[in-house]
Amino acid sequence: MAKTISDFLEIDHREQDEEGAEIRYLGLVPPAMNKGLGPRLMAYAFNEAHAKSVKRLWVNSCHIDAPGSAGFNQARGFCATRSAIEILDDPRISGHLPRDFAPHVPLIEAHEA
């Protein structure tokens, strides 16, 4: 039987602070959302961090994340510590992400006259 991948997680321990780690990626594919998998995946991340004696764990979020991700993170004890504006090329235009990805974020393209 084929296994379907529904989630992904990456915890980065390379930060200069040897006691800290960053959840670089934590996500679910859309069909897996709202089924209780997100909290279980975050619990797994906490367990992994605890097993490695991580004293400080943080997560970054951006506008292309699911609209509920900030609330999800706050419900698990994370709090906003800073905010930044970064200007990047839209990965949907370059083809790195599907054009219909993050439909809550306007897709702005330059049209030639």
Protein backbone atom coordinates (compact mmCIF):
# COMPACT_ATOMS: atom_id res chain seq x y z
CA MET A 1 0.00 0.00 0.00
CA ALA A 2 1.33 3.46 -0.91
CA LYS A 3 1.94 5.88 1.95
CA THR A 4 0.66 9.42 1.53
CA ILE A 5 2.71 12.24 3.01
CA SER A 6 0.43 14.62 4.87
CA ASP A 7 2.86 16.69 6.93
CA PHE A 8 6.45 17.86 7.24
CA LEU A 9 8.67 19.12 10.02
CA GLU A 10 12.23 20.46 10.19
CA ILE A 11 13.94 21.52 13.41
CA ASP A 12 17.20 23.41 12.87
CA HIS A 13 19.81 23.09 15.64
CA ARG A 14 22.50 25.13 13.84
CA GLU A 15 21.79 28.43 15.59
CA GLN A 16 24.77 29.97 17.38
CA ASP A 17 22.85 29.65 20.65
CA GLU A 18 23.73 26.03 21.42
CA GLU A 19 20.73 25.67 23.71
CA GLY A 20 18.19 26.84 21.13
CA ALA A 21 16.56 25.46 18.01
CA GLU A 22 14.21 26.77 15.36
CA ILE A 23 11.21 25.04 13.87
CA ARG A 24 12.07 25.92 10.28
CA TYR A 25 9.15 24.16 8.66
CA LEU A 26 5.99 22.70 10.11
CA GLY A 27 3.12 22.16 7.77
CA LEU A 28 0.28 20.03 6.56
CA VAL A 29 -0.98 19.45 3.06
CA PRO A 30 -4.48 20.97 2.67
CA PRO A 31 -6.40 17.65 2.82
CA ALA A 32 -4.75 16.92 6.20
CA MET A 33 -5.72 20.24 7.78
CA ASN A 34 -8.36 20.48 10.52
CA LYS A 35 -8.05 16.79 11.43
CA GLY A 36 -5.99 17.14 14.61
CA LEU A 37 -2.67 16.38 12.92
CA GLY A 38 -1.16 19.86 13.42
CA PRO A 39 -1.23 19.71 17.23
CA ARG A 40 0.22 16.19 17.13
CA LEU A 41 3.02 17.31 14.81
CA MET A 42 3.81 20.27 17.09
CA ALA A 43 3.80 17.93 20.12
CA TYR A 44 6.31 15.75 18.27
CA ALA A 45 8.48 18.85 17.67
CA PHE A 46 8.35 19.69 21.39
CA ASN A 47 9.28 16.11 22.30
CA GLU A 48 12.22 16.13 19.88
CA ALA A 49 13.45 19.45 21.27
CA HIS A 50 13.11 18.17 24.85
CA ALA A 51 15.00 14.98 23.97
CA LYS A 52 17.91 17.14 22.74
CA SER A 53 17.79 19.35 25.86
CA VAL A 54 16.74 22.40 23.85
CA LYS A 55 15.98 25.23 26.27
CA ARG A 56 14.65 27.73 23.72
CA LEU A 57 12.50 26.80 20.73
CA TRP A 58 11.13 29.30 18.24
CA VAL A 59 9.17 29.35 15.01
CA ASN A 60 8.98 31.95 12.25
CA SER A 61 5.87 32.67 10.26
CA CYS A 62 5.23 34.60 7.08
CA HIS A 63 2.33 35.89 4.99
CA ILE A 64 2.28 32.80 2.79
CA ASP A 65 1.58 30.49 5.75
CA ALA A 66 -1.97 29.31 6.29
CA PRO A 67 -4.14 32.15 7.63
CA GLY A 68 -4.58 30.38 10.99
CA SER A 69 -0.91 29.63 11.59
CA ALA A 70 -0.23 32.57 13.92
CA GLY A 71 -3.17 31.62 16.14
CA PHE A 72 -2.11 27.98 16.01
CA ASN A 73 1.41 28.89 17.18
CA GLN A 74 0.10 31.20 19.92
CA ALA A 75 -2.23 28.47 21.19
CA ARG A 76 0.84 26.28 21.68
CA GLY A 77 2.67 28.85 23.79
CA PHE A 78 4.63 30.81 21.19
CA CYS A 79 4.45 34.61 21.28
CA ALA A 80 5.50 37.24 18.80
CA THR A 81 8.87 38.75 19.66
CA ARG A 82 9.54 40.79 16.53
CA SER A 83 8.18 41.67 13.13
CA ALA A 84 9.99 42.33 9.87
CA ILE A 85 9.18 43.16 6.27
CA GLU A 86 11.08 41.26 3.61
CA ILE A 87 10.61 41.83 -0.10
CA LEU A 88 11.07 38.69 -2.15
CA ASP A 89 10.08 37.46 -5.58
CA ASP A 90 6.81 35.54 -5.42
CA PRO A 91 7.67 31.80 -5.69
CA ARG A 92 4.36 31.22 -7.51
CA ILE A 93 5.51 33.39 -10.41
CA SER A 94 8.92 31.71 -10.65
CA GLY A 95 7.26 28.28 -10.66
CA HIS A 96 8.71 27.14 -7.33
CA LEU A 97 5.17 26.91 -5.92
CA PRO A 98 1.90 26.20 -7.75
CA ARG A 99 0.06 29.34 -8.91
CA ASP A 100 -2.93 28.43 -6.74
CA PHE A 101 -0.80 28.11 -3.58
CA ALA A 102 -1.71 30.53 -0.74
CA PRO A 103 -4.92 31.82 -2.31
CA HIS A 104 -5.27 34.29 0.59
CA VAL A 105 -2.22 36.19 -0.73
CA PRO A 106 -2.81 38.31 -3.87
CA LEU A 107 -0.74 37.27 -6.87
CA ILE A 108 0.71 40.44 -8.35
CA GLU A 109 2.37 40.23 -11.72
CA ALA A 110 3.74 42.87 -14.06
CA HIS A 111 1.98 42.84 -17.41
CA GLU A 112 3.78 44.11 -20.44
CA ALA A 113 1.92 46.73 -22.46
